[in-house]
Amino acid sequence: MKAVQYRAVGAAPEVVEIPKPVPGPGQILLKVTAAGVCHSDIAVMSWSADELPYELPLTLGHEGVGTVAVLGEGAQGVSVGDPVAVYGPWGCGTCVNCAEGRENYCLRAAELGINPPGLGNPGAMAEYMIVDDARHLTPIGDLDPVKTVSLTDAGLTPYHAIKRSLPKLLPGATAVVIGTGGLGHVAIQLLRAMTAVRVIALDVTEEKLALARAVGAHETVLSDENAAAKVRALTGGTGARVVFDFVGAEPTVRTAGAVASIDSDVIIVGISGGTLPVGFGVLPFSTSVTAPYWGSRRELAEVIELAHAGAVDVHVETYSIDEAPLAYERLHAGRINGRAVILPNG
């Protein structure tokens, strides 16, 4: 079967032929209908050999949707032919966090060498993939798999971040979204669906800001050295009650801190290496800075329900599996507006 693999440190991803996997006891074989392309993959492919914690070659794709093709011995909870989304942050299943469905915060994953698909385990960017347990599959019913696949990360991650700050996302408050790409444009929709706050979106091009307005941002600001002052002006000088940084680079985290109000949340989701100093007098009083990770199994089910209700619409560009390297090139160059989706069997 065809798969998209990262095969050598510093090399571009390649489309290769590998054996079709066979599910072991308790495992499920999925025929993949769609796989998402994410900046996290580019981050992984930028690490040096000393930094890379995964064995190569690695089949990419931590966003996956497919149909159940084969059940391994003893596998239960799904049936052949079921359309399902793959929950990515696999955990041990037995620690206190996993028992609550919060496998994104598994206490033993590192100790046991458990990795997500596409980020250590073979991922969804292939014609078929193995899922270790039925609990990591969420039914999607009649949802369009192409529109749904990115909800497993680009939807789940902002949903988790927003849900943590709901007590501050009250009518009359302002939320700032920095970076309106794959995760950010979904975050805007979720904020509009889940809250009554004013949403101000920041990005580096007018094309991306146009998408932000199209999906519900009340105001848009070009993300440059003047962005913080403009946001302050739009909020009457008080700043934003909650700031979501989906880029996480040094300039954007500085902007995030500069637009935060008193008793605010600054949520750094992006993984571009920026850090925000925290200390008395450094940020407004009672500002909380967090770096959440992905989301829980229950939260993925909730995001899927929002999709069924028509509350989120992921803007996608589709590519065949042979075009996957091109999709990564375009993403790295900032030329994807929304989310790139690979169709392994399309």
C-alpha atoms as a PDB file:
ATOM      1  CA  MET A   1       0.000   0.000   0.000  1.00  0.00           C
ATOM      2  CA  LYS A   2       1.045   3.638  -0.383  1.00  0.00           C
ATOM      3  CA  ALA A   3       2.117   5.666   2.651  1.00  0.00           C
ATOM      4  CA  VAL A   4       3.669   9.066   3.280  1.00  0.00           C
ATOM      5  CA  GLN A   5       6.775   8.647   5.429  1.00  0.00           C
ATOM      6  CA  TYR A   6       9.444  10.751   7.042  1.00  0.00           C
ATOM      7  CA  ARG A   7      12.409   8.518   6.326  1.00  0.00           C
ATOM      8  CA  ALA A   8      15.619  10.412   7.123  1.00  0.00           C
ATOM      9  CA  VAL A   9      16.452  13.334   9.422  1.00  0.00           C
ATOM     10  CA  GLY A  10      16.247  16.584   7.488  1.00  0.00           C
ATOM     11  CA  ALA A  11      14.728  15.005   4.389  1.00  0.00           C
ATOM     12  CA  ALA A  12      11.383  15.804   2.807  1.00  0.00           C
ATOM     13  CA  PRO A  13       8.524  13.326   3.291  1.00  0.00           C
ATOM     14  CA  GLU A  14       8.241  10.620   0.643  1.00  0.00           C
ATOM     15  CA  VAL A  15       5.441   8.546  -0.853  1.00  0.00           C
ATOM     16  CA  VAL A  16       6.499   4.901  -0.574  1.00  0.00           C
ATOM     17  CA  GLU A  17       5.099   1.388  -0.892  1.00  0.00           C
ATOM     18  CA  ILE A  18       4.929  -0.570   2.367  1.00  0.00           C
ATOM     19  CA  PRO A  19       3.131  -3.784   3.386  1.00  0.00           C
ATOM     20  CA  LYS A  20      -0.517  -3.519   4.340  1.00  0.00           C
ATOM     21  CA  PRO A  21      -0.668  -3.927   8.145  1.00  0.00           C
ATOM     22  CA  VAL A  22      -2.472  -6.792   9.867  1.00  0.00           C
ATOM     23  CA  PRO A  23      -4.295  -6.056  13.150  1.00  0.00           C
ATOM     24  CA  GLY A  24      -3.203  -7.953  16.245  1.00  0.00           C
ATOM     25  CA  PRO A  25      -5.387  -8.928  19.209  1.00  0.00           C
ATOM     26  CA  GLY A  26      -7.680  -6.057  20.209  1.00  0.00           C
ATOM     27  CA  GLN A  27      -6.525  -3.875  17.321  1.00  0.00           C
ATOM     28  CA  ILE A  28      -8.537  -2.414  14.435  1.00  0.00           C
ATOM     29  CA  LEU A  29      -7.507  -1.982  10.807  1.00  0.00           C
ATOM     30  CA  LEU A  30      -8.926   1.178   9.238  1.00  0.00           C
ATOM     31  CA  LYS A  31      -9.228   1.952   5.567  1.00  0.00           C
ATOM     32  CA  VAL A  32      -8.240   5.619   5.698  1.00  0.00           C
ATOM     33  CA  THR A  33     -10.571   8.044   3.938  1.00  0.00           C
ATOM     34  CA  ALA A  34      -8.819  11.292   4.945  1.00  0.00           C
ATOM     35  CA  ALA A  35      -5.691  12.427   6.804  1.00  0.00           C
ATOM     36  CA  GLY A  36      -4.826  15.943   7.936  1.00  0.00           C
ATOM     37  CA  VAL A  37      -1.567  17.817   7.287  1.00  0.00           C
ATOM     38  CA  CYS A  38      -0.367  19.711  10.375  1.00  0.00           C
ATOM     39  CA  HIS A  39       2.396  22.153  11.352  1.00  0.00           C
ATOM     40  CA  SER A  40       3.347  19.678  14.092  1.00  0.00           C
ATOM     41  CA  ASP A  41       4.613  17.340  11.375  1.00  0.00           C
ATOM     42  CA  ILE A  42       6.848  20.102  10.044  1.00  0.00           C
ATOM     43  CA  ALA A  43       8.150  20.715  13.561  1.00  0.00           C
ATOM     44  CA  VAL A  44       9.019  17.018  13.885  1.00  0.00           C
ATOM     45  CA  MET A  45      10.814  17.075  10.540  1.00  0.00           C
ATOM     46  CA  SER A  46      12.852  20.099  11.648  1.00  0.00           C
ATOM     47  CA  TRP A  47      14.345  18.363  14.701  1.00  0.00           C
ATOM     48  CA  SER A  48      17.931  17.187  14.708  1.00  0.00           C
ATOM     49  CA  ALA A  49      18.813  13.529  15.164  1.00  0.00           C
ATOM     50  CA  ASP A  50      19.485  14.192  18.852  1.00  0.00           C
ATOM     51  CA  GLU A  51      16.102  15.899  19.318  1.00  0.00           C
ATOM     52  CA  LEU A  52      13.981  13.374  17.414  1.00  0.00           C
ATOM     53  CA  PRO A  53      12.414  10.889  19.868  1.00  0.00           C
ATOM     54  CA  TYR A  54      10.871   8.641  17.187  1.00  0.00           C
ATOM     55  CA  GLU A  55      12.275   5.823  15.101  1.00  0.00           C
ATOM     56  CA  LEU A  56      12.423   6.344  11.349  1.00  0.00           C
ATOM     57  CA  PRO A  57      10.917   5.697   8.912  1.00  0.00           C
ATOM     58  CA  LEU A  58       7.696   7.143  10.348  1.00  0.00           C
ATOM     59  CA  THR A  59       4.345   7.108   8.570  1.00  0.00           C
ATOM     60  CA  LEU A  60       2.933  10.598   9.095  1.00  0.00           C
ATOM     61  CA  GLY A  61      -0.609  11.733   9.893  1.00  0.00           C
ATOM     62  CA  HIS A  62      -1.976  12.302  13.402  1.00  0.00           C
ATOM     63  CA  GLU A  63      -5.390  13.372  12.081  1.00  0.00           C
ATOM     64  CA  GLY A  64      -7.257  10.402  10.639  1.00  0.00           C
ATOM     65  CA  VAL A  65     -10.742   9.335   9.586  1.00  0.00           C
ATOM     66  CA  GLY A  66     -11.617   6.002   8.037  1.00  0.00           C
ATOM     67  CA  THR A  67     -13.912   3.011   7.893  1.00  0.00           C
ATOM     68  CA  VAL A  68     -13.369  -0.104   9.965  1.00  0.00           C
ATOM     69  CA  ALA A  69     -11.929  -2.752   7.632  1.00  0.00           C
ATOM     70  CA  VAL A  70     -10.836  -5.634   9.878  1.00  0.00           C
ATOM     71  CA  LEU A  71     -11.205  -6.371  13.599  1.00  0.00           C
ATOM     72  CA  GLY A  72      -8.321  -8.055  15.362  1.00  0.00           C
ATOM     73  CA  GLU A  73      -9.028 -10.999  17.628  1.00  0.00           C
ATOM     74  CA  GLY A  74     -11.100  -9.865  20.599  1.00  0.00           C
ATOM     75  CA  ALA A  75     -11.620  -6.313  19.344  1.00  0.00           C
ATOM     76  CA  GLN A  76     -15.009  -4.965  20.398  1.00  0.00           C
ATOM     77  CA  GLY A  77     -16.957  -1.711  20.326  1.00  0.00           C
ATOM     78  CA  VAL A  78     -16.961  -1.120  16.555  1.00  0.00           C
ATOM     79  CA  SER A  79     -18.130  -3.066  13.507  1.00  0.00           C
ATOM     80  CA  VAL A  80     -16.707  -3.519  10.024  1.00  0.00           C
ATOM     81  CA  GLY A  81     -17.846  -0.634   7.838  1.00  0.00           C
ATOM     82  CA  ASP A  82     -18.272   1.895  10.660  1.00  0.00           C
ATOM     83  CA  PRO A  83     -17.109   5.424   9.749  1.00  0.00           C
ATOM     84  CA  VAL A  84     -14.897   6.665  12.574  1.00  0.00           C
ATOM     85  CA  ALA A  85     -12.454   9.377  13.588  1.00  0.00           C
ATOM     86  CA  VAL A  86      -9.175   8.484  15.297  1.00  0.00           C
ATOM     87  CA  TYR A  87      -8.536   9.994  18.724  1.00  0.00           C
ATOM     88  CA  GLY A  88      -4.842  10.865  18.596  1.00  0.00           C
ATOM     89  CA  PRO A  89      -3.253  11.274  22.048  1.00  0.00           C
ATOM     90  CA  TRP A  90      -3.139   7.614  23.030  1.00  0.00           C
ATOM     91  CA  GLY A  91      -2.496   6.821  26.676  1.00  0.00           C
ATOM     92  CA  CYS A  92      -2.114   3.799  28.915  1.00  0.00           C
ATOM     93  CA  GLY A  93      -5.848   3.554  29.546  1.00  0.00           C
ATOM     94  CA  THR A  94      -5.460   2.784  33.246  1.00  0.00           C
ATOM     95  CA  CYS A  95      -3.988   5.820  35.067  1.00  0.00           C
ATOM     96  CA  VAL A  96      -6.348   8.237  36.807  1.00  0.00           C
ATOM     97  CA  ASN A  97      -6.327  10.665  33.896  1.00  0.00           C
ATOM     98  CA  CYS A  98      -6.945   7.989  31.280  1.00  0.00           C
ATOM     99  CA  ALA A  99      -9.787   6.620  33.411  1.00  0.00           C
ATOM    100  CA  GLU A 100     -11.467  10.008  32.943  1.00  0.00           C
ATOM    101  CA  GLY A 101     -10.855   9.915  29.188  1.00  0.00           C
ATOM    102  CA  ARG A 102      -8.074  12.514  29.487  1.00  0.00           C
ATOM    103  CA  GLU A 103      -5.512  10.404  27.678  1.00  0.00           C
ATOM    104  CA  ASN A 104      -3.902  13.607  26.414  1.00  0.00           C
ATOM    105  CA  TYR A 105      -2.601  13.933  29.980  1.00  0.00           C
ATOM    106  CA  CYS A 106      -1.720  10.259  30.516  1.00  0.00           C
ATOM    107  CA  LEU A 107       0.668   9.916  33.438  1.00  0.00           C
ATOM    108  CA  ARG A 108       2.485   6.882  32.059  1.00  0.00           C
ATOM    109  CA  ALA A 109       2.657   7.366  28.274  1.00  0.00           C
ATOM    110  CA  ALA A 110       6.285   8.503  28.321  1.00  0.00           C
ATOM    111  CA  GLU A 111       7.301   5.727  30.711  1.00  0.00           C
ATOM    112  CA  LEU A 112       5.607   3.062  28.593  1.00  0.00           C
ATOM    113  CA  GLY A 113       6.713   4.473  25.240  1.00  0.00           C
ATOM    114  CA  ILE A 114       3.159   5.132  24.058  1.00  0.00           C
ATOM    115  CA  ASN A 115       2.975   7.600  21.162  1.00  0.00           C
ATOM    116  CA  PRO A 116       0.185   9.006  18.997  1.00  0.00           C
ATOM    117  CA  PRO A 117      -0.296   7.779  15.448  1.00  0.00           C
ATOM    118  CA  GLY A 118       1.865   9.865  13.143  1.00  0.00           C
ATOM    119  CA  LEU A 119       3.940  11.039  16.088  1.00  0.00           C
ATOM    120  CA  GLY A 120       5.790   7.857  16.946  1.00  0.00           C
ATOM    121  CA  ASN A 121       3.314   5.198  15.833  1.00  0.00           C
ATOM    122  CA  PRO A 122       2.422   4.660  12.159  1.00  0.00           C
ATOM    123  CA  GLY A 123      -0.086   7.342  11.224  1.00  0.00           C
ATOM    124  CA  ALA A 124      -3.065   7.941   9.006  1.00  0.00           C
ATOM    125  CA  MET A 125      -1.260   9.147   5.878  1.00  0.00           C
ATOM    126  CA  ALA A 126      -1.535   5.709   4.285  1.00  0.00           C
ATOM    127  CA  GLU A 127      -4.161   3.596   2.607  1.00  0.00           C
ATOM    128  CA  TYR A 128      -4.622   1.622   5.827  1.00  0.00           C
ATOM    129  CA  MET A 129      -3.650   2.155   9.470  1.00  0.00           C
ATOM    130  CA  ILE A 130      -3.741   0.229  12.735  1.00  0.00           C
ATOM    131  CA  VAL A 131      -5.583   1.642  15.751  1.00  0.00           C
ATOM    132  CA  ASP A 132      -4.538   0.050  19.017  1.00  0.00           C
ATOM    133  CA  ASP A 133      -7.930  -0.009  20.762  1.00  0.00           C
ATOM    134  CA  ALA A 134     -11.566   0.716  19.937  1.00  0.00           C
ATOM    135  CA  ARG A 135     -11.691   3.364  22.668  1.00  0.00           C
ATOM    136  CA  HIS A 136      -9.551   5.513  20.375  1.00  0.00           C
ATOM    137  CA  LEU A 137     -12.271   5.589  17.720  1.00  0.00           C
ATOM    138  CA  THR A 138     -15.187   8.025  17.679  1.00  0.00           C
ATOM    139  CA  PRO A 139     -18.183   7.431  15.388  1.00  0.00           C
ATOM    140  CA  ILE A 140     -18.811  10.215  12.857  1.00  0.00           C
ATOM    141  CA  GLY A 141     -22.051   8.947  11.310  1.00  0.00           C
ATOM    142  CA  ASP A 142     -22.915  10.721   8.073  1.00  0.00           C
ATOM    143  CA  LEU A 143     -20.397  13.555   8.438  1.00  0.00           C
ATOM    144  CA  ASP A 144     -18.157  14.292   5.452  1.00  0.00           C
ATOM    145  CA  PRO A 145     -14.809  12.646   6.310  1.00  0.00           C
ATOM    146  CA  VAL A 146     -12.838  15.336   4.457  1.00  0.00           C
ATOM    147  CA  LYS A 147     -14.439  18.095   6.523  1.00  0.00           C
ATOM    148  CA  THR A 148     -14.318  16.020   9.710  1.00  0.00           C
ATOM    149  CA  VAL A 149     -10.758  14.671   9.793  1.00  0.00           C
ATOM    150  CA  SER A 150      -9.117  17.872  11.055  1.00  0.00           C
ATOM    151  CA  LEU A 151     -11.558  18.084  13.947  1.00  0.00           C
ATOM    152  CA  THR A 152      -9.454  15.366  15.601  1.00  0.00           C
ATOM    153  CA  ASP A 153      -6.714  17.958  16.221  1.00  0.00           C
ATOM    154  CA  ALA A 154      -7.506  21.315  14.609  1.00  0.00           C
ATOM    155  CA  GLY A 155     -10.952  21.095  16.222  1.00  0.00           C
ATOM    156  CA  LEU A 156     -10.229  19.175  19.417  1.00  0.00           C
ATOM    157  CA  THR A 157      -7.193  21.223  20.469  1.00  0.00           C
ATOM    158  CA  PRO A 158      -8.883  24.665  20.365  1.00  0.00           C
ATOM    159  CA  TYR A 159     -12.069  23.191  21.840  1.00  0.00           C
ATOM    160  CA  HIS A 160     -10.090  21.900  24.825  1.00  0.00           C
ATOM    161  CA  ALA A 161      -8.364  25.267  25.233  1.00  0.00           C
ATOM    162  CA  ILE A 162     -11.617  27.227  24.998  1.00  0.00           C
ATOM    163  CA  LYS A 163     -13.486  24.930  27.366  1.00  0.00           C
ATOM    164  CA  ARG A 164     -10.844  25.458  30.079  1.00  0.00           C
ATOM    165  CA  SER A 165     -11.426  29.228  29.946  1.00  0.00           C
ATOM    166  CA  LEU A 166     -15.222  29.309  29.645  1.00  0.00           C
ATOM    167  CA  PRO A 167     -15.643  31.011  33.073  1.00  0.00           C
ATOM    168  CA  LYS A 168     -13.863  34.060  31.614  1.00  0.00           C
ATOM    169  CA  LEU A 169     -15.471  33.943  28.181  1.00  0.00           C
ATOM    170  CA  LEU A 170     -18.535  35.887  29.271  1.00  0.00           C
ATOM    171  CA  PRO A 171     -20.750  38.358  27.379  1.00  0.00           C
ATOM    172  CA  GLY A 172     -18.916  41.664  27.093  1.00  0.00           C
ATOM    173  CA  ALA A 173     -15.475  40.058  27.211  1.00  0.00           C
ATOM    174  CA  THR A 174     -12.994  39.969  24.338  1.00  0.00           C
ATOM    175  CA  ALA A 175     -11.083  36.935  23.094  1.00  0.00           C
ATOM    176  CA  VAL A 176      -8.049  37.312  20.844  1.00  0.00           C
ATOM    177  CA  VAL A 177      -7.081  34.556  18.391  1.00  0.00           C
ATOM    178  CA  ILE A 178      -3.500  34.795  17.099  1.00  0.00           C
ATOM    179  CA  GLY A 179      -3.000  32.692  13.976  1.00  0.00           C
ATOM    180  CA  THR A 180      -6.105  31.951  11.914  1.00  0.00           C
ATOM    181  CA  GLY A 181      -4.884  28.896  10.007  1.00  0.00           C
ATOM    182  CA  GLY A 182      -5.811  25.259  10.596  1.00  0.00           C
ATOM    183  CA  LEU A 183      -6.534  25.555  14.335  1.00  0.00           C
ATOM    184  CA  GLY A 184      -7.240  29.271  14.558  1.00  0.00           C
ATOM    185  CA  HIS A 185     -10.053  29.469  12.016  1.00  0.00           C
ATOM    186  CA  VAL A 186     -11.798  26.597  13.808  1.00  0.00           C
ATOM    187  CA  ALA A 187     -11.229  28.304  17.179  1.00  0.00           C
ATOM    188  CA  ILE A 188     -13.062  31.393  15.922  1.00  0.00           C
ATOM    189  CA  GLN A 189     -16.062  29.274  14.974  1.00  0.00           C
ATOM    190  CA  LEU A 190     -16.017  27.469  18.316  1.00  0.00           C
ATOM    191  CA  LEU A 191     -15.843  30.765  20.218  1.00  0.00           C
ATOM    192  CA  ARG A 192     -18.871  32.037  18.292  1.00  0.00           C
ATOM    193  CA  ALA A 193     -20.780  28.783  18.862  1.00  0.00           C
ATOM    194  CA  MET A 194     -19.917  28.358  22.559  1.00  0.00           C
ATOM    195  CA  THR A 195     -19.778  31.932  23.865  1.00  0.00           C
ATOM    196  CA  ALA A 196     -21.030  35.485  23.339  1.00  0.00           C
ATOM    197  CA  VAL A 197     -17.597  37.136  23.448  1.00  0.00           C
ATOM    198  CA  ARG A 198     -16.169  39.574  20.944  1.00  0.00           C
ATOM    199  CA  VAL A 199     -13.490  37.853  18.812  1.00  0.00           C
ATOM    200  CA  ILE A 200     -10.463  39.734  17.492  1.00  0.00           C
ATOM    201  CA  ALA A 201      -8.288  37.732  15.094  1.00  0.00           C
ATOM    202  CA  LEU A 202      -4.628  38.357  14.191  1.00  0.00           C
ATOM    203  CA  ASP A 203      -2.625  36.999  11.283  1.00  0.00           C
ATOM    204  CA  VAL A 204       0.124  38.051   8.906  1.00  0.00           C
ATOM    205  CA  THR A 205      -1.757  38.279   5.586  1.00  0.00           C
ATOM    206  CA  GLU A 206      -4.980  39.867   4.422  1.00  0.00           C
ATOM    207  CA  GLU A 207      -5.989  36.549   2.824  1.00  0.00           C
ATOM    208  CA  LYS A 208      -5.883  34.796   6.192  1.00  0.00           C
ATOM    209  CA  LEU A 209      -7.710  37.688   7.876  1.00  0.00           C
ATOM    210  CA  ALA A 210     -10.419  37.454   5.218  1.00  0.00           C
ATOM    211  CA  LEU A 211     -10.942  33.807   6.204  1.00  0.00           C
ATOM    212  CA  ALA A 212     -11.101  34.863   9.867  1.00  0.00           C
ATOM    213  CA  ARG A 213     -13.857  37.356   9.079  1.00  0.00           C
ATOM    214  CA  ALA A 214     -15.690  34.816   6.945  1.00  0.00           C
ATOM    215  CA  VAL A 215     -15.862  32.326   9.825  1.00  0.00           C
ATOM    216  CA  GLY A 216     -17.007  34.860  12.408  1.00  0.00           C
ATOM    217  CA  ALA A 217     -14.267  37.151  13.729  1.00  0.00           C
ATOM    218  CA  HIS A 218     -15.746  40.508  14.739  1.00  0.00           C
ATOM    219  CA  GLU A 219     -12.488  42.386  14.149  1.00  0.00           C
ATOM    220  CA  THR A 220      -9.215  41.503  12.406  1.00  0.00           C
ATOM    221  CA  VAL A 221      -5.769  42.994  12.926  1.00  0.00           C
ATOM    222  CA  LEU A 222      -2.608  42.468  10.918  1.00  0.00           C
ATOM    223  CA  SER A 223      -0.106  40.677  13.156  1.00  0.00           C
ATOM    224  CA  ASP A 224       2.888  43.039  13.175  1.00  0.00           C
ATOM    225  CA  GLU A 225       4.725  45.306  15.595  1.00  0.00           C
ATOM    226  CA  ASN A 226       1.623  47.510  15.892  1.00  0.00           C
ATOM    227  CA  ALA A 227      -0.835  44.687  16.600  1.00  0.00           C
ATOM    228  CA  ALA A 228      -0.854  44.962  20.393  1.00  0.00           C
ATOM    229  CA  ALA A 229      -1.550  48.695  20.308  1.00  0.00           C
ATOM    230  CA  LYS A 230      -4.394  48.177  17.850  1.00  0.00           C
ATOM    231  CA  VAL A 231      -5.982  45.474  20.002  1.00  0.00           C
ATOM    232  CA  ARG A 232      -5.642  47.713  23.064  1.00  0.00           C
ATOM    233  CA  ALA A 233      -7.384  50.489  21.165  1.00  0.00           C
ATOM    234  CA  LEU A 234     -10.197  48.168  20.054  1.00  0.00           C
ATOM    235  CA  THR A 235     -10.763  47.116  23.687  1.00  0.00           C
ATOM    236  CA  GLY A 236     -10.747  50.651  25.104  1.00  0.00           C
ATOM    237  CA  GLY A 237      -7.333  50.066  26.633  1.00  0.00           C
ATOM    238  CA  THR A 238      -8.340  47.125  28.843  1.00  0.00           C
ATOM    239  CA  GLY A 239      -7.116  44.261  26.661  1.00  0.00           C
ATOM    240  CA  ALA A 240      -8.513  40.760  26.146  1.00  0.00           C
ATOM    241  CA  ARG A 241      -9.870  38.482  28.853  1.00  0.00           C
ATOM    242  CA  VAL A 242      -8.601  35.394  27.007  1.00  0.00           C
ATOM    243  CA  VAL A 243      -5.808  35.219  24.416  1.00  0.00           C
ATOM    244  CA  PHE A 244      -5.228  32.116  22.273  1.00  0.00           C
ATOM    245  CA  ASP A 245      -1.874  31.919  20.507  1.00  0.00           C
ATOM    246  CA  PHE A 246      -2.000  29.222  17.840  1.00  0.00           C
ATOM    247  CA  VAL A 247       1.462  30.128  16.540  1.00  0.00           C
ATOM    248  CA  GLY A 248       3.608  30.148  19.686  1.00  0.00           C
ATOM    249  CA  ALA A 249       6.573  31.978  18.138  1.00  0.00           C
ATOM    250  CA  GLU A 250       8.523  34.574  20.106  1.00  0.00           C
ATOM    251  CA  PRO A 251       6.809  37.590  18.450  1.00  0.00           C
ATOM    252  CA  THR A 252       3.316  36.150  18.887  1.00  0.00           C
ATOM    253  CA  VAL A 253       3.727  35.214  22.549  1.00  0.00           C
ATOM    254  CA  ARG A 254       4.994  38.741  23.205  1.00  0.00           C
ATOM    255  CA  THR A 255       1.875  40.071  21.515  1.00  0.00           C
ATOM    256  CA  ALA A 256      -0.273  37.673  23.546  1.00  0.00           C
ATOM    257  CA  GLY A 257       1.165  38.998  26.796  1.00  0.00           C
ATOM    258  CA  ALA A 258       0.859  42.605  25.623  1.00  0.00           C
ATOM    259  CA  VAL A 259      -2.869  42.353  24.839  1.00  0.00           C
ATOM    260  CA  ALA A 260      -3.865  40.452  28.010  1.00  0.00           C
ATOM    261  CA  SER A 261      -6.096  42.225  30.530  1.00  0.00           C
ATOM    262  CA  ILE A 262      -6.152  41.972  34.313  1.00  0.00           C
ATOM    263  CA  ASP A 263      -7.333  38.508  35.484  1.00  0.00           C
ATOM    264  CA  SER A 264      -6.912  37.048  32.008  1.00  0.00           C
ATOM    265  CA  ASP A 265      -5.886  33.736  30.489  1.00  0.00           C
ATOM    266  CA  VAL A 266      -3.036  33.541  27.973  1.00  0.00           C
ATOM    267  CA  ILE A 267      -3.147  30.167  26.254  1.00  0.00           C
ATOM    268  CA  ILE A 268      -0.124  29.171  24.170  1.00  0.00           C
ATOM    269  CA  VAL A 269      -1.137  26.363  21.830  1.00  0.00           C
ATOM    270  CA  GLY A 270       1.386  26.817  19.010  1.00  0.00           C
ATOM    271  CA  ILE A 271       4.681  24.955  19.226  1.00  0.00           C
ATOM    272  CA  SER A 272       7.038  27.422  17.545  1.00  0.00           C
ATOM    273  CA  GLY A 273       9.290  27.778  20.584  1.00  0.00           C
ATOM    274  CA  GLY A 274       8.277  31.159  21.992  1.00  0.00           C
ATOM    275  CA  THR A 275       8.240  31.713  25.765  1.00  0.00           C
ATOM    276  CA  LEU A 276       6.405  34.260  27.874  1.00  0.00           C
ATOM    277  CA  PRO A 277       8.015  35.469  31.131  1.00  0.00           C
ATOM    278  CA  VAL A 278       5.780  35.142  34.181  1.00  0.00           C
ATOM    279  CA  GLY A 279       6.264  36.990  37.444  1.00  0.00           C
ATOM    280  CA  PHE A 280       4.817  39.703  39.629  1.00  0.00           C
ATOM    281  CA  GLY A 281       4.562  42.905  37.604  1.00  0.00           C
ATOM    282  CA  VAL A 282       5.615  41.237  34.350  1.00  0.00           C
ATOM    283  CA  LEU A 283       2.033  40.573  33.230  1.00  0.00           C
ATOM    284  CA  PRO A 284      -1.249  42.166  34.386  1.00  0.00           C
ATOM    285  CA  PHE A 285      -2.384  41.072  37.849  1.00  0.00           C
ATOM    286  CA  SER A 286      -3.776  37.519  38.073  1.00  0.00           C
ATOM    287  CA  THR A 287      -2.895  36.592  34.501  1.00  0.00           C
ATOM    288  CA  SER A 288      -2.723  32.828  33.980  1.00  0.00           C
ATOM    289  CA  VAL A 289      -0.423  31.407  31.284  1.00  0.00           C
ATOM    290  CA  THR A 290      -1.006  27.819  30.166  1.00  0.00           C
ATOM    291  CA  ALA A 291       0.138  25.479  27.389  1.00  0.00           C
ATOM    292  CA  PRO A 292      -2.618  22.870  26.998  1.00  0.00           C
ATOM    293  CA  TYR A 293      -2.216  19.729  24.907  1.00  0.00           C
ATOM    294  CA  TRP A 294      -4.777  18.260  22.505  1.00  0.00           C
ATOM    295  CA  GLY A 295      -8.025  17.195  24.307  1.00  0.00           C
ATOM    296  CA  SER A 296      -9.890  14.337  25.951  1.00  0.00           C
ATOM    297  CA  ARG A 297     -11.833  11.492  24.360  1.00  0.00           C
ATOM    298  CA  ARG A 298     -15.086  12.977  25.631  1.00  0.00           C
ATOM    299  CA  GLU A 299     -14.176  16.350  24.163  1.00  0.00           C
ATOM    300  CA  LEU A 300     -13.615  14.789  20.735  1.00  0.00           C
ATOM    301  CA  ALA A 301     -17.125  13.338  20.914  1.00  0.00           C
ATOM    302  CA  GLU A 302     -18.397  16.813  21.832  1.00  0.00           C
ATOM    303  CA  VAL A 303     -16.603  18.388  18.864  1.00  0.00           C
ATOM    304  CA  ILE A 304     -18.138  15.776  16.565  1.00  0.00           C
ATOM    305  CA  GLU A 305     -21.565  16.677  17.966  1.00  0.00           C
ATOM    306  CA  LEU A 306     -20.892  20.342  17.193  1.00  0.00           C
ATOM    307  CA  ALA A 307     -20.085  19.302  13.623  1.00  0.00           C
ATOM    308  CA  HIS A 308     -23.369  17.404  13.398  1.00  0.00           C
ATOM    309  CA  ALA A 309     -25.111  20.596  14.563  1.00  0.00           C
ATOM    310  CA  GLY A 310     -23.407  22.599  11.817  1.00  0.00           C
ATOM    311  CA  ALA A 311     -21.456  24.774  14.257  1.00  0.00           C
ATOM    312  CA  VAL A 312     -18.032  24.206  12.637  1.00  0.00           C
ATOM    313  CA  ASP A 313     -16.984  24.117   9.000  1.00  0.00           C
ATOM    314  CA  VAL A 314     -13.318  23.366   8.378  1.00  0.00           C
ATOM    315  CA  HIS A 315     -11.966  25.058   5.266  1.00  0.00           C
ATOM    316  CA  VAL A 316      -9.898  22.431   3.466  1.00  0.00           C
ATOM    317  CA  GLU A 317      -7.656  21.963   0.436  1.00  0.00           C
ATOM    318  CA  THR A 318      -7.546  18.348  -0.742  1.00  0.00           C
ATOM    319  CA  TYR A 319      -4.571  16.456  -2.171  1.00  0.00           C
ATOM    320  CA  SER A 320      -4.040  12.911  -3.383  1.00  0.00           C
ATOM    321  CA  ILE A 321      -1.558  10.788  -1.488  1.00  0.00           C
ATOM    322  CA  ASP A 322       0.974  11.322  -4.289  1.00  0.00           C
ATOM    323  CA  GLU A 323       0.608  15.090  -3.787  1.00  0.00           C
ATOM    324  CA  ALA A 324       1.282  14.921  -0.026  1.00  0.00           C
ATOM    325  CA  PRO A 325       4.872  16.237  -0.302  1.00  0.00           C
ATOM    326  CA  LEU A 326       3.488  19.250  -2.212  1.00  0.00           C
ATOM    327  CA  ALA A 327       0.937  19.854   0.550  1.00  0.00           C
ATOM    328  CA  TYR A 328       3.759  19.957   3.107  1.00  0.00           C
ATOM    329  CA  GLU A 329       5.713  22.374   0.914  1.00  0.00           C
ATOM    330  CA  ARG A 330       2.710  24.683   0.642  1.00  0.00           C
ATOM    331  CA  LEU A 331       2.040  24.496   4.385  1.00  0.00           C
ATOM    332  CA  HIS A 332       5.653  25.311   5.207  1.00  0.00           C
ATOM    333  CA  ALA A 333       5.498  28.299   2.848  1.00  0.00           C
ATOM    334  CA  GLY A 334       2.328  29.614   4.511  1.00  0.00           C
ATOM    335  CA  ARG A 335       0.246  28.996   1.388  1.00  0.00           C
ATOM    336  CA  ILE A 336      -2.486  26.834   2.932  1.00  0.00           C
ATOM    337  CA  ASN A 337      -5.577  28.824   3.904  1.00  0.00           C
ATOM    338  CA  GLY A 338      -7.346  26.534   6.364  1.00  0.00           C
ATOM    339  CA  ARG A 339      -6.325  22.869   6.477  1.00  0.00           C
ATOM    340  CA  ALA A 340      -4.711  20.555   3.921  1.00  0.00           C
ATOM    341  CA  VAL A 341      -6.253  17.085   3.740  1.00  0.00           C
ATOM    342  CA  ILE A 342      -4.763  14.013   2.054  1.00  0.00           C
ATOM    343  CA  LEU A 343      -7.072  11.446   0.443  1.00  0.00           C
ATOM    344  CA  PRO A 344      -5.083   8.160   0.638  1.00  0.00           C
ATOM    345  CA  ASN A 345      -7.711   6.146  -1.185  1.00  0.00           C
ATOM    346  CA  GLY A 346      -9.182   8.984  -3.262  1.00  0.00           C
END
